[in-house]
Amino acid sequence: MDVDVQNIKKWVVFYPIYINSKKTLAEGRRINASKACENPTCTEIYDCCTHLKLPCAIESEKAYPRDFMQRGRVRVLLKREDGSVYNPTISSRKQLMLQVAELVPRHPGRTKKQEPASSSATGPSKSGKGGKKKR
């Protein structure tokens, strides 16, 4: 956006694991599981932040320390130099996480991905127990 990229180190860090409903609080989730979304990505979070008209940047080479296999994080600027907020509805990290978690399931890329998955789930199902038998 129109913000100086030199001060990006002072921006709020937002890892996708913060709003992942599949993770526990010990694994890094920071909001209630009922309000979190399933497996968000950095690009989805970035798109949601730009939709909320917040300056943001993706750092794809960074990883969350507790889960270093999942790469990427988003840096977001919530407040201007004078202390005023960019979006009046979002004044804290927690509010940002809740707003983004609400928007991610409605992301255009996510709704397209879920349609084929739901149709394949209604296919013919195998009846019976299966697996190894106990002796």
C-alpha atoms as a PDB file:
ATOM      1  CA  MET A   1       0.000   0.000   0.000  1.00  0.00           C
ATOM      2  CA  ASP A   2       1.157   3.568   0.566  1.00  0.00           C
ATOM      3  CA  VAL A   3       3.052   2.768   3.770  1.00  0.00           C
ATOM      4  CA  ASP A   4       6.810   2.892   4.260  1.00  0.00           C
ATOM      5  CA  VAL A   5       8.174  -0.668   4.050  1.00  0.00           C
ATOM      6  CA  GLN A   6      11.271   0.250   6.094  1.00  0.00           C
ATOM      7  CA  ASN A   7       9.316   0.033   9.362  1.00  0.00           C
ATOM      8  CA  ILE A   8       7.848  -3.406   8.582  1.00  0.00           C
ATOM      9  CA  LYS A   9       9.652  -4.862  11.607  1.00  0.00           C
ATOM     10  CA  LYS A  10       7.334  -2.848  13.859  1.00  0.00           C
ATOM     11  CA  TRP A  11       4.186  -4.269  12.240  1.00  0.00           C
ATOM     12  CA  VAL A  12       2.016  -6.945  13.884  1.00  0.00           C
ATOM     13  CA  VAL A  13       3.002 -10.534  13.037  1.00  0.00           C
ATOM     14  CA  PHE A  14       0.147 -12.838  12.001  1.00  0.00           C
ATOM     15  CA  TYR A  15       0.848 -16.551  11.548  1.00  0.00           C
ATOM     16  CA  PRO A  16      -1.905 -18.710   9.960  1.00  0.00           C
ATOM     17  CA  ILE A  17      -1.700 -21.086  12.930  1.00  0.00           C
ATOM     18  CA  TYR A  18      -3.167 -18.333  15.158  1.00  0.00           C
ATOM     19  CA  ILE A  19      -6.631 -18.880  13.621  1.00  0.00           C
ATOM     20  CA  ASN A  20      -6.383 -22.570  12.673  1.00  0.00           C
ATOM     21  CA  SER A  21      -9.230 -24.534  14.263  1.00  0.00           C
ATOM     22  CA  LYS A  22      -7.296 -27.812  13.828  1.00  0.00           C
ATOM     23  CA  LYS A  23      -4.606 -26.674  16.303  1.00  0.00           C
ATOM     24  CA  THR A  24      -4.776 -26.553  20.094  1.00  0.00           C
ATOM     25  CA  LEU A  25      -3.918 -23.579  22.280  1.00  0.00           C
ATOM     26  CA  ALA A  26      -0.631 -25.291  23.173  1.00  0.00           C
ATOM     27  CA  GLU A  27       0.180 -25.641  19.463  1.00  0.00           C
ATOM     28  CA  GLY A  28      -0.350 -21.916  18.892  1.00  0.00           C
ATOM     29  CA  ARG A  29      -4.025 -21.147  18.267  1.00  0.00           C
ATOM     30  CA  ARG A  30      -4.927 -17.791  19.815  1.00  0.00           C
ATOM     31  CA  ILE A  31      -8.704 -17.553  19.399  1.00  0.00           C
ATOM     32  CA  ASN A  32     -11.655 -19.737  20.339  1.00  0.00           C
ATOM     33  CA  ALA A  33     -11.846 -22.910  18.207  1.00  0.00           C
ATOM     34  CA  SER A  34     -15.507 -22.236  17.366  1.00  0.00           C
ATOM     35  CA  LYS A  35     -14.538 -18.857  15.852  1.00  0.00           C
ATOM     36  CA  ALA A  36     -11.388 -20.135  14.115  1.00  0.00           C
ATOM     37  CA  CYS A  37     -11.269 -21.468  10.551  1.00  0.00           C
ATOM     38  CA  GLU A  38      -9.833 -24.676   9.147  1.00  0.00           C
ATOM     39  CA  ASN A  39      -6.273 -24.590   7.734  1.00  0.00           C
ATOM     40  CA  PRO A  40      -5.925 -20.940   6.607  1.00  0.00           C
ATOM     41  CA  THR A  41      -3.073 -19.944   4.291  1.00  0.00           C
ATOM     42  CA  CYS A  42      -0.926 -16.808   4.159  1.00  0.00           C
ATOM     43  CA  THR A  43      -2.439 -15.683   0.875  1.00  0.00           C
ATOM     44  CA  GLU A  44      -5.982 -15.989   2.253  1.00  0.00           C
ATOM     45  CA  ILE A  45      -5.011 -13.945   5.320  1.00  0.00           C
ATOM     46  CA  TYR A  46      -3.280 -11.373   3.105  1.00  0.00           C
ATOM     47  CA  ASP A  47      -6.366 -11.052   0.886  1.00  0.00           C
ATOM     48  CA  CYS A  48      -8.595 -10.627   3.952  1.00  0.00           C
ATOM     49  CA  CYS A  49      -6.328  -7.905   5.361  1.00  0.00           C
ATOM     50  CA  THR A  50      -6.371  -6.014   2.067  1.00  0.00           C
ATOM     51  CA  HIS A  51     -10.178  -6.400   2.010  1.00  0.00           C
ATOM     52  CA  LEU A  52     -10.228  -4.784   5.474  1.00  0.00           C
ATOM     53  CA  LYS A  53      -8.085  -1.963   4.005  1.00  0.00           C
ATOM     54  CA  LEU A  54      -5.099  -2.669   6.248  1.00  0.00           C
ATOM     55  CA  PRO A  55      -1.500  -2.346   4.998  1.00  0.00           C
ATOM     56  CA  CYS A  56       0.058  -5.820   4.976  1.00  0.00           C
ATOM     57  CA  ALA A  57       2.926  -7.854   3.548  1.00  0.00           C
ATOM     58  CA  ILE A  58       3.602 -11.588   3.168  1.00  0.00           C
ATOM     59  CA  GLU A  59       6.880 -13.039   4.443  1.00  0.00           C
ATOM     60  CA  SER A  60       6.860 -16.458   2.788  1.00  0.00           C
ATOM     61  CA  GLU A  61      10.310 -17.556   3.983  1.00  0.00           C
ATOM     62  CA  LYS A  62       9.423 -17.250   7.685  1.00  0.00           C
ATOM     63  CA  ALA A  63       8.029 -20.123   9.774  1.00  0.00           C
ATOM     64  CA  TYR A  64       6.209 -20.442  13.087  1.00  0.00           C
ATOM     65  CA  PRO A  65       8.701 -21.719  15.710  1.00  0.00           C
ATOM     66  CA  ARG A  66       6.387 -24.379  17.174  1.00  0.00           C
ATOM     67  CA  ASP A  67       5.438 -25.705  13.710  1.00  0.00           C
ATOM     68  CA  PHE A  68       8.359 -24.893  11.427  1.00  0.00           C
ATOM     69  CA  MET A  69       7.092 -27.072   8.545  1.00  0.00           C
ATOM     70  CA  GLN A  70       4.312 -24.579   7.786  1.00  0.00           C
ATOM     71  CA  ARG A  71       5.982 -21.669   6.022  1.00  0.00           C
ATOM     72  CA  GLY A  72       4.834 -18.071   5.787  1.00  0.00           C
ATOM     73  CA  ARG A  73       3.449 -15.265   7.876  1.00  0.00           C
ATOM     74  CA  VAL A  74       1.733 -11.932   7.284  1.00  0.00           C
ATOM     75  CA  ARG A  75       2.807  -8.573   8.685  1.00  0.00           C
ATOM     76  CA  VAL A  76      -0.055  -6.130   9.297  1.00  0.00           C
ATOM     77  CA  LEU A  77      -0.022  -2.458  10.265  1.00  0.00           C
ATOM     78  CA  LEU A  78      -2.938  -1.629  12.572  1.00  0.00           C
ATOM     79  CA  LYS A  79      -2.078   1.940  13.588  1.00  0.00           C
ATOM     80  CA  ARG A  80      -0.591   4.986  11.888  1.00  0.00           C
ATOM     81  CA  GLU A  81       2.429   6.905  13.213  1.00  0.00           C
ATOM     82  CA  ASP A  82       0.144   9.279  15.151  1.00  0.00           C
ATOM     83  CA  GLY A  83      -1.634   6.349  16.856  1.00  0.00           C
ATOM     84  CA  SER A  84      -4.900   6.460  14.917  1.00  0.00           C
ATOM     85  CA  VAL A  85      -6.180   3.149  13.549  1.00  0.00           C
ATOM     86  CA  TYR A  86      -6.487   2.340   9.834  1.00  0.00           C
ATOM     87  CA  ASN A  87      -9.766   0.476  10.305  1.00  0.00           C
ATOM     88  CA  PRO A  88     -12.007   1.734  13.151  1.00  0.00           C
ATOM     89  CA  THR A  89     -13.446  -1.747  13.762  1.00  0.00           C
ATOM     90  CA  ILE A  90      -9.971  -3.265  14.318  1.00  0.00           C
ATOM     91  CA  SER A  91      -7.868  -1.730  17.071  1.00  0.00           C
ATOM     92  CA  SER A  92      -6.100  -4.808  18.493  1.00  0.00           C
ATOM     93  CA  ARG A  93      -4.478  -8.071  17.382  1.00  0.00           C
ATOM     94  CA  LYS A  94      -7.326 -10.115  18.847  1.00  0.00           C
ATOM     95  CA  GLN A  95      -9.949  -8.172  16.868  1.00  0.00           C
ATOM     96  CA  LEU A  96      -7.840  -8.616  13.733  1.00  0.00           C
ATOM     97  CA  MET A  97      -7.650 -12.390  14.251  1.00  0.00           C
ATOM     98  CA  LEU A  98     -11.409 -12.651  14.831  1.00  0.00           C
ATOM     99  CA  GLN A  99     -12.246 -10.545  11.734  1.00  0.00           C
ATOM    100  CA  VAL A 100      -9.845 -12.474   9.483  1.00  0.00           C
ATOM    101  CA  ALA A 101     -11.071 -15.841  10.809  1.00  0.00           C
ATOM    102  CA  GLU A 102     -14.595 -14.731   9.902  1.00  0.00           C
ATOM    103  CA  LEU A 103     -13.572 -13.735   6.355  1.00  0.00           C
ATOM    104  CA  VAL A 104     -11.300 -16.662   5.406  1.00  0.00           C
ATOM    105  CA  PRO A 105     -14.091 -19.280   4.943  1.00  0.00           C
ATOM    106  CA  ARG A 106     -15.761 -16.892   2.467  1.00  0.00           C
ATOM    107  CA  HIS A 107     -12.524 -16.413   0.479  1.00  0.00           C
ATOM    108  CA  PRO A 108     -13.145 -16.981  -3.286  1.00  0.00           C
ATOM    109  CA  GLY A 109     -10.327 -19.530  -3.636  1.00  0.00           C
ATOM    110  CA  ARG A 110     -11.600 -21.508  -0.652  1.00  0.00           C
ATOM    111  CA  THR A 111     -15.219 -21.762  -1.845  1.00  0.00           C
ATOM    112  CA  LYS A 112     -14.059 -23.179  -5.197  1.00  0.00           C
ATOM    113  CA  LYS A 113     -11.869 -25.782  -3.468  1.00  0.00           C
ATOM    114  CA  GLN A 114     -14.680 -27.047  -1.230  1.00  0.00           C
ATOM    115  CA  GLU A 115     -17.284 -27.703  -3.969  1.00  0.00           C
ATOM    116  CA  PRO A 116     -15.560 -30.759  -5.554  1.00  0.00           C
ATOM    117  CA  ALA A 117     -14.675 -32.167  -2.140  1.00  0.00           C
ATOM    118  CA  SER A 118     -18.302 -32.174  -1.000  1.00  0.00           C
ATOM    119  CA  SER A 119     -19.516 -33.942  -4.167  1.00  0.00           C
ATOM    120  CA  SER A 120     -16.882 -36.695  -3.842  1.00  0.00           C
ATOM    121  CA  ALA A 121     -17.831 -37.287  -0.217  1.00  0.00           C
ATOM    122  CA  THR A 122     -21.369 -38.259  -1.258  1.00  0.00           C
ATOM    123  CA  GLY A 123     -20.073 -41.072  -3.514  1.00  0.00           C
ATOM    124  CA  PRO A 124     -20.641 -44.756  -2.851  1.00  0.00           C
ATOM    125  CA  SER A 125     -19.583 -45.717   0.648  1.00  0.00           C
ATOM    126  CA  LYS A 126     -18.094 -49.036   1.701  1.00  0.00           C
ATOM    127  CA  SER A 127     -20.163 -50.938   4.214  1.00  0.00           C
ATOM    128  CA  GLY A 128     -18.749 -53.353   6.760  1.00  0.00           C
ATOM    129  CA  LYS A 129     -16.040 -53.105   9.349  1.00  0.00           C
ATOM    130  CA  GLY A 130     -12.844 -53.970   7.461  1.00  0.00           C
ATOM    131  CA  GLY A 131      -9.381 -53.877   8.952  1.00  0.00           C
ATOM    132  CA  LYS A 132      -7.538 -56.527  10.947  1.00  0.00           C
ATOM    133  CA  LYS A 133      -9.475 -59.078  12.959  1.00  0.00           C
ATOM    134  CA  LYS A 134      -8.640 -59.876  16.558  1.00  0.00           C
ATOM    135  CA  ARG A 135      -7.723 -63.443  17.470  1.00  0.00           C
END
